[in-house]
Amino acid sequence: MLDVQTLANIASILGVAITIGGFALTLVRIRKSQTAVEDVKEQIRNLNAIQEVAAAIKSLDEIRKLHRAKSWTVLPDRYTSLKHQLIAIKERTSISQKQRSSIREAIQQLSTMEAQVESTLFGGTDDLAVDRMNEITSGLIDDLAAVLVDLQNEIDVLRH
């Protein structure tokens, strides 16, 4: 038969084991909570990026209309504003290298078109190739639409 001292020692050892097990379980649950929080933060970043990319696409569509109307004096400011939007998207959001490359390309194309319009404004001519500029703009819209779809797919993956 076990004496009281032995039973007390066994109870102490079991208490320590249960405490350690409970602590380990708590650590596992904390880690799962941290992972869930990070997933939610990533979803929020992606949702913000989706909204910003959608706004950039809308701006490009407006620029395309301004090309058709030959509203050259308004366009340099629109190009600059859109470039700032795209830079913010590129720097603030967690996007892939491919997506960054698409945005970088859009920024470069907008800078080129801005320079052409500025040159035309100060040169006094009105002979910009609207069809070519809108072809480029439409390509940028397509590229950003692909980025938008990628971001939406990433959210779908995070949800499941």
C-alpha atoms as a PDB file:
ATOM      1  CA  MET A   1       0.000   0.000   0.000  1.00  0.00           C
ATOM      2  CA  LEU A   2       1.150   3.507  -0.768  1.00  0.00           C
ATOM      3  CA  ASP A   3       1.811   5.888   2.019  1.00  0.00           C
ATOM      4  CA  VAL A   4       0.546   9.444   2.137  1.00  0.00           C
ATOM      5  CA  GLN A   5       3.903  10.910   1.155  1.00  0.00           C
ATOM      6  CA  THR A   6       4.093   8.799  -2.014  1.00  0.00           C
ATOM      7  CA  LEU A   7       0.533   9.698  -2.952  1.00  0.00           C
ATOM      8  CA  ALA A   8       1.322  13.378  -2.429  1.00  0.00           C
ATOM      9  CA  ASN A   9       4.402  13.064  -4.651  1.00  0.00           C
ATOM     10  CA  ILE A  10       2.399  11.324  -7.378  1.00  0.00           C
ATOM     11  CA  ALA A  11      -0.307  13.993  -7.165  1.00  0.00           C
ATOM     12  CA  SER A  12       2.327  16.733  -7.419  1.00  0.00           C
ATOM     13  CA  ILE A  13       3.913  15.088 -10.439  1.00  0.00           C
ATOM     14  CA  LEU A  14       0.509  14.664 -12.105  1.00  0.00           C
ATOM     15  CA  GLY A  15      -0.330  18.284 -11.336  1.00  0.00           C
ATOM     16  CA  VAL A  16       2.897  19.484 -12.940  1.00  0.00           C
ATOM     17  CA  ALA A  17       2.298  17.252 -15.987  1.00  0.00           C
ATOM     18  CA  ILE A  18      -1.263  18.549 -16.375  1.00  0.00           C
ATOM     19  CA  THR A  19      -0.045  22.140 -15.992  1.00  0.00           C
ATOM     20  CA  ILE A  20       2.662  21.632 -18.618  1.00  0.00           C
ATOM     21  CA  GLY A  21       0.166  19.964 -20.957  1.00  0.00           C
ATOM     22  CA  GLY A  22      -2.326  22.782 -20.470  1.00  0.00           C
ATOM     23  CA  PHE A  23       0.394  25.356 -21.063  1.00  0.00           C
ATOM     24  CA  ALA A  24       1.475  23.584 -24.265  1.00  0.00           C
ATOM     25  CA  LEU A  25      -2.135  23.467 -25.448  1.00  0.00           C
ATOM     26  CA  THR A  26      -2.493  27.180 -24.695  1.00  0.00           C
ATOM     27  CA  LEU A  27       0.650  27.925 -26.733  1.00  0.00           C
ATOM     28  CA  VAL A  28      -0.718  25.934 -29.673  1.00  0.00           C
ATOM     29  CA  ARG A  29      -4.021  27.817 -29.506  1.00  0.00           C
ATOM     30  CA  ILE A  30      -2.221  31.171 -29.287  1.00  0.00           C
ATOM     31  CA  ARG A  31      -0.198  30.270 -32.376  1.00  0.00           C
ATOM     32  CA  LYS A  32      -3.361  29.305 -34.264  1.00  0.00           C
ATOM     33  CA  SER A  33      -4.958  32.610 -33.229  1.00  0.00           C
ATOM     34  CA  GLN A  34      -1.903  34.533 -34.428  1.00  0.00           C
ATOM     35  CA  THR A  35      -2.032  32.708 -37.757  1.00  0.00           C
ATOM     36  CA  ALA A  36      -5.746  33.497 -38.091  1.00  0.00           C
ATOM     37  CA  VAL A  37      -5.069  37.169 -37.330  1.00  0.00           C
ATOM     38  CA  GLU A  38      -2.325  37.256 -39.958  1.00  0.00           C
ATOM     39  CA  ASP A  39      -4.661  35.640 -42.497  1.00  0.00           C
ATOM     40  CA  VAL A  40      -7.331  38.267 -41.790  1.00  0.00           C
ATOM     41  CA  LYS A  41      -4.746  41.060 -42.120  1.00  0.00           C
ATOM     42  CA  GLU A  42      -3.632  39.609 -45.459  1.00  0.00           C
ATOM     43  CA  GLN A  43      -7.241  39.459 -46.649  1.00  0.00           C
ATOM     44  CA  ILE A  44      -7.744  43.097 -45.662  1.00  0.00           C
ATOM     45  CA  ARG A  45      -4.569  44.116 -47.508  1.00  0.00           C
ATOM     46  CA  ASN A  46      -5.773  42.230 -50.573  1.00  0.00           C
ATOM     47  CA  LEU A  47      -9.229  43.809 -50.372  1.00  0.00           C
ATOM     48  CA  ASN A  48      -7.629  47.256 -50.183  1.00  0.00           C
ATOM     49  CA  ALA A  49      -5.395  46.388 -53.118  1.00  0.00           C
ATOM     50  CA  ILE A  50      -8.422  45.202 -55.087  1.00  0.00           C
ATOM     51  CA  GLN A  51     -10.187  48.506 -54.470  1.00  0.00           C
ATOM     52  CA  GLU A  52      -7.082  50.489 -55.432  1.00  0.00           C
ATOM     53  CA  VAL A  53      -6.470  48.484 -58.614  1.00  0.00           C
ATOM     54  CA  ALA A  54     -10.155  48.828 -59.573  1.00  0.00           C
ATOM     55  CA  ALA A  55      -9.874  52.603 -59.072  1.00  0.00           C
ATOM     56  CA  ALA A  56      -6.722  52.663 -61.231  1.00  0.00           C
ATOM     57  CA  ILE A  57      -8.562  50.774 -63.993  1.00  0.00           C
ATOM     58  CA  LYS A  58     -11.378  53.306 -63.792  1.00  0.00           C
ATOM     59  CA  SER A  59      -8.834  56.140 -64.089  1.00  0.00           C
ATOM     60  CA  LEU A  60      -7.290  54.490 -67.140  1.00  0.00           C
ATOM     61  CA  ASP A  61     -10.709  54.197 -68.718  1.00  0.00           C
ATOM     62  CA  GLU A  62     -11.266  57.912 -68.098  1.00  0.00           C
ATOM     63  CA  ILE A  63      -7.850  58.694 -69.609  1.00  0.00           C
ATOM     64  CA  ARG A  64      -8.809  56.696 -72.696  1.00  0.00           C
ATOM     65  CA  LYS A  65     -11.946  58.854 -73.064  1.00  0.00           C
ATOM     66  CA  LEU A  66      -9.872  62.013 -72.615  1.00  0.00           C
ATOM     67  CA  HIS A  67      -7.552  60.822 -75.410  1.00  0.00           C
ATOM     68  CA  ARG A  68     -10.535  60.454 -77.723  1.00  0.00           C
ATOM     69  CA  ALA A  69     -11.746  63.952 -76.802  1.00  0.00           C
ATOM     70  CA  LYS A  70      -8.191  65.267 -77.281  1.00  0.00           C
ATOM     71  CA  SER A  71      -8.332  66.953 -73.881  1.00  0.00           C
ATOM     72  CA  TRP A  72      -4.569  67.335 -73.817  1.00  0.00           C
ATOM     73  CA  THR A  73      -4.421  70.057 -71.160  1.00  0.00           C
ATOM     74  CA  VAL A  74      -6.163  67.848 -68.579  1.00  0.00           C
ATOM     75  CA  LEU A  75      -4.184  64.684 -69.255  1.00  0.00           C
ATOM     76  CA  PRO A  76      -0.781  65.431 -67.657  1.00  0.00           C
ATOM     77  CA  ASP A  77      -2.405  65.833 -64.235  1.00  0.00           C
ATOM     78  CA  ARG A  78      -4.399  62.641 -64.720  1.00  0.00           C
ATOM     79  CA  TYR A  79      -1.268  60.715 -65.703  1.00  0.00           C
ATOM     80  CA  THR A  80       0.554  62.006 -62.626  1.00  0.00           C
ATOM     81  CA  SER A  81      -2.331  61.186 -60.299  1.00  0.00           C
ATOM     82  CA  LEU A  82      -2.632  57.683 -61.697  1.00  0.00           C
ATOM     83  CA  LYS A  83       1.108  57.106 -61.440  1.00  0.00           C
ATOM     84  CA  HIS A  84       0.925  58.057 -57.760  1.00  0.00           C
ATOM     85  CA  GLN A  85      -1.940  55.597 -57.264  1.00  0.00           C
ATOM     86  CA  LEU A  86       0.029  52.827 -58.939  1.00  0.00           C
ATOM     87  CA  ILE A  87       3.187  53.573 -56.965  1.00  0.00           C
ATOM     88  CA  ALA A  88       1.172  53.367 -53.753  1.00  0.00           C
ATOM     89  CA  ILE A  89      -0.296  50.027 -54.821  1.00  0.00           C
ATOM     90  CA  LYS A  90       3.129  48.702 -55.741  1.00  0.00           C
ATOM     91  CA  GLU A  91       4.750  49.796 -52.478  1.00  0.00           C
ATOM     92  CA  ARG A  92       1.956  49.326 -49.949  1.00  0.00           C
ATOM     93  CA  THR A  93       0.483  46.007 -50.871  1.00  0.00           C
ATOM     94  CA  SER A  94       1.856  42.504 -50.705  1.00  0.00           C
ATOM     95  CA  ILE A  95       1.718  41.618 -54.376  1.00  0.00           C
ATOM     96  CA  SER A  96       3.744  39.162 -56.398  1.00  0.00           C
ATOM     97  CA  GLN A  97       6.778  40.069 -58.448  1.00  0.00           C
ATOM     98  CA  LYS A  98       4.756  39.509 -61.631  1.00  0.00           C
ATOM     99  CA  GLN A  99       2.078  41.928 -60.399  1.00  0.00           C
ATOM    100  CA  ARG A 100       4.753  44.486 -59.437  1.00  0.00           C
ATOM    101  CA  SER A 101       6.207  44.167 -62.905  1.00  0.00           C
ATOM    102  CA  SER A 102       2.813  44.856 -64.510  1.00  0.00           C
ATOM    103  CA  ILE A 103       2.359  47.938 -62.355  1.00  0.00           C
ATOM    104  CA  ARG A 104       5.915  49.128 -63.044  1.00  0.00           C
ATOM    105  CA  GLU A 105       5.243  48.760 -66.792  1.00  0.00           C
ATOM    106  CA  ALA A 106       2.034  50.781 -66.456  1.00  0.00           C
ATOM    107  CA  ILE A 107       3.904  53.556 -64.648  1.00  0.00           C
ATOM    108  CA  GLN A 108       6.537  53.654 -67.383  1.00  0.00           C
ATOM    109  CA  GLN A 109       3.927  53.748 -70.153  1.00  0.00           C
ATOM    110  CA  LEU A 110       2.050  56.551 -68.401  1.00  0.00           C
ATOM    111  CA  SER A 111       5.287  58.522 -68.045  1.00  0.00           C
ATOM    112  CA  THR A 112       5.963  58.107 -71.760  1.00  0.00           C
ATOM    113  CA  MET A 113       2.455  59.238 -72.718  1.00  0.00           C
ATOM    114  CA  GLU A 114       2.695  62.157 -70.297  1.00  0.00           C
ATOM    115  CA  ALA A 115       5.943  63.285 -71.925  1.00  0.00           C
ATOM    116  CA  GLN A 116       4.360  63.036 -75.381  1.00  0.00           C
ATOM    117  CA  VAL A 117       1.348  65.102 -74.327  1.00  0.00           C
ATOM    118  CA  GLU A 118       3.540  67.692 -72.591  1.00  0.00           C
ATOM    119  CA  SER A 119       5.688  67.947 -75.700  1.00  0.00           C
ATOM    120  CA  THR A 120       2.613  68.433 -77.857  1.00  0.00           C
ATOM    121  CA  LEU A 121       1.200  71.077 -75.525  1.00  0.00           C
ATOM    122  CA  PHE A 122       4.375  73.102 -75.593  1.00  0.00           C
ATOM    123  CA  GLY A 123       5.054  72.424 -79.268  1.00  0.00           C
ATOM    124  CA  GLY A 124       1.697  73.803 -80.318  1.00  0.00           C
ATOM    125  CA  THR A 125       0.745  70.810 -82.449  1.00  0.00           C
ATOM    126  CA  ASP A 126      -2.209  68.468 -82.113  1.00  0.00           C
ATOM    127  CA  ASP A 127      -0.846  65.433 -83.909  1.00  0.00           C
ATOM    128  CA  LEU A 128      -0.736  62.767 -81.228  1.00  0.00           C
ATOM    129  CA  ALA A 129      -1.687  59.255 -82.321  1.00  0.00           C
ATOM    130  CA  VAL A 130      -4.843  58.808 -80.264  1.00  0.00           C
ATOM    131  CA  ASP A 131      -5.401  55.297 -81.578  1.00  0.00           C
ATOM    132  CA  ARG A 132      -1.901  54.214 -80.506  1.00  0.00           C
ATOM    133  CA  MET A 133      -2.248  55.891 -77.104  1.00  0.00           C
ATOM    134  CA  ASN A 134      -5.574  54.144 -76.521  1.00  0.00           C
ATOM    135  CA  GLU A 135      -4.117  50.848 -77.672  1.00  0.00           C
ATOM    136  CA  ILE A 136      -1.452  51.228 -74.983  1.00  0.00           C
ATOM    137  CA  THR A 137      -4.048  52.349 -72.423  1.00  0.00           C
ATOM    138  CA  SER A 138      -6.266  49.365 -73.236  1.00  0.00           C
ATOM    139  CA  GLY A 139      -3.266  47.061 -72.772  1.00  0.00           C
ATOM    140  CA  LEU A 140      -2.617  48.619 -69.370  1.00  0.00           C
ATOM    141  CA  ILE A 141      -6.261  48.089 -68.430  1.00  0.00           C
ATOM    142  CA  ASP A 142      -5.964  44.429 -69.436  1.00  0.00           C
ATOM    143  CA  ASP A 143      -2.755  44.019 -67.415  1.00  0.00           C
ATOM    144  CA  LEU A 144      -4.285  45.612 -64.324  1.00  0.00           C
ATOM    145  CA  ALA A 145      -7.440  43.532 -64.763  1.00  0.00           C
ATOM    146  CA  ALA A 146      -5.211  40.428 -64.612  1.00  0.00           C
ATOM    147  CA  VAL A 147      -3.649  41.765 -61.383  1.00  0.00           C
ATOM    148  CA  LEU A 148      -7.167  42.330 -60.050  1.00  0.00           C
ATOM    149  CA  VAL A 149      -8.189  38.749 -60.821  1.00  0.00           C
ATOM    150  CA  ASP A 150      -5.007  37.414 -59.191  1.00  0.00           C
ATOM    151  CA  LEU A 151      -5.742  39.398 -56.024  1.00  0.00           C
ATOM    152  CA  GLN A 152      -9.341  38.165 -55.964  1.00  0.00           C
ATOM    153  CA  ASN A 153      -8.136  34.577 -56.368  1.00  0.00           C
ATOM    154  CA  GLU A 154      -5.702  35.040 -53.472  1.00  0.00           C
ATOM    155  CA  ILE A 155      -8.586  36.099 -51.239  1.00  0.00           C
ATOM    156  CA  ASP A 156     -10.564  33.031 -52.306  1.00  0.00           C
ATOM    157  CA  VAL A 157      -7.597  30.813 -51.392  1.00  0.00           C
ATOM    158  CA  LEU A 158      -7.220  32.479 -47.985  1.00  0.00           C
ATOM    159  CA  ARG A 159     -10.924  31.988 -47.238  1.00  0.00           C
ATOM    160  CA  HIS A 160     -10.731  28.237 -47.729  1.00  0.00           C
END
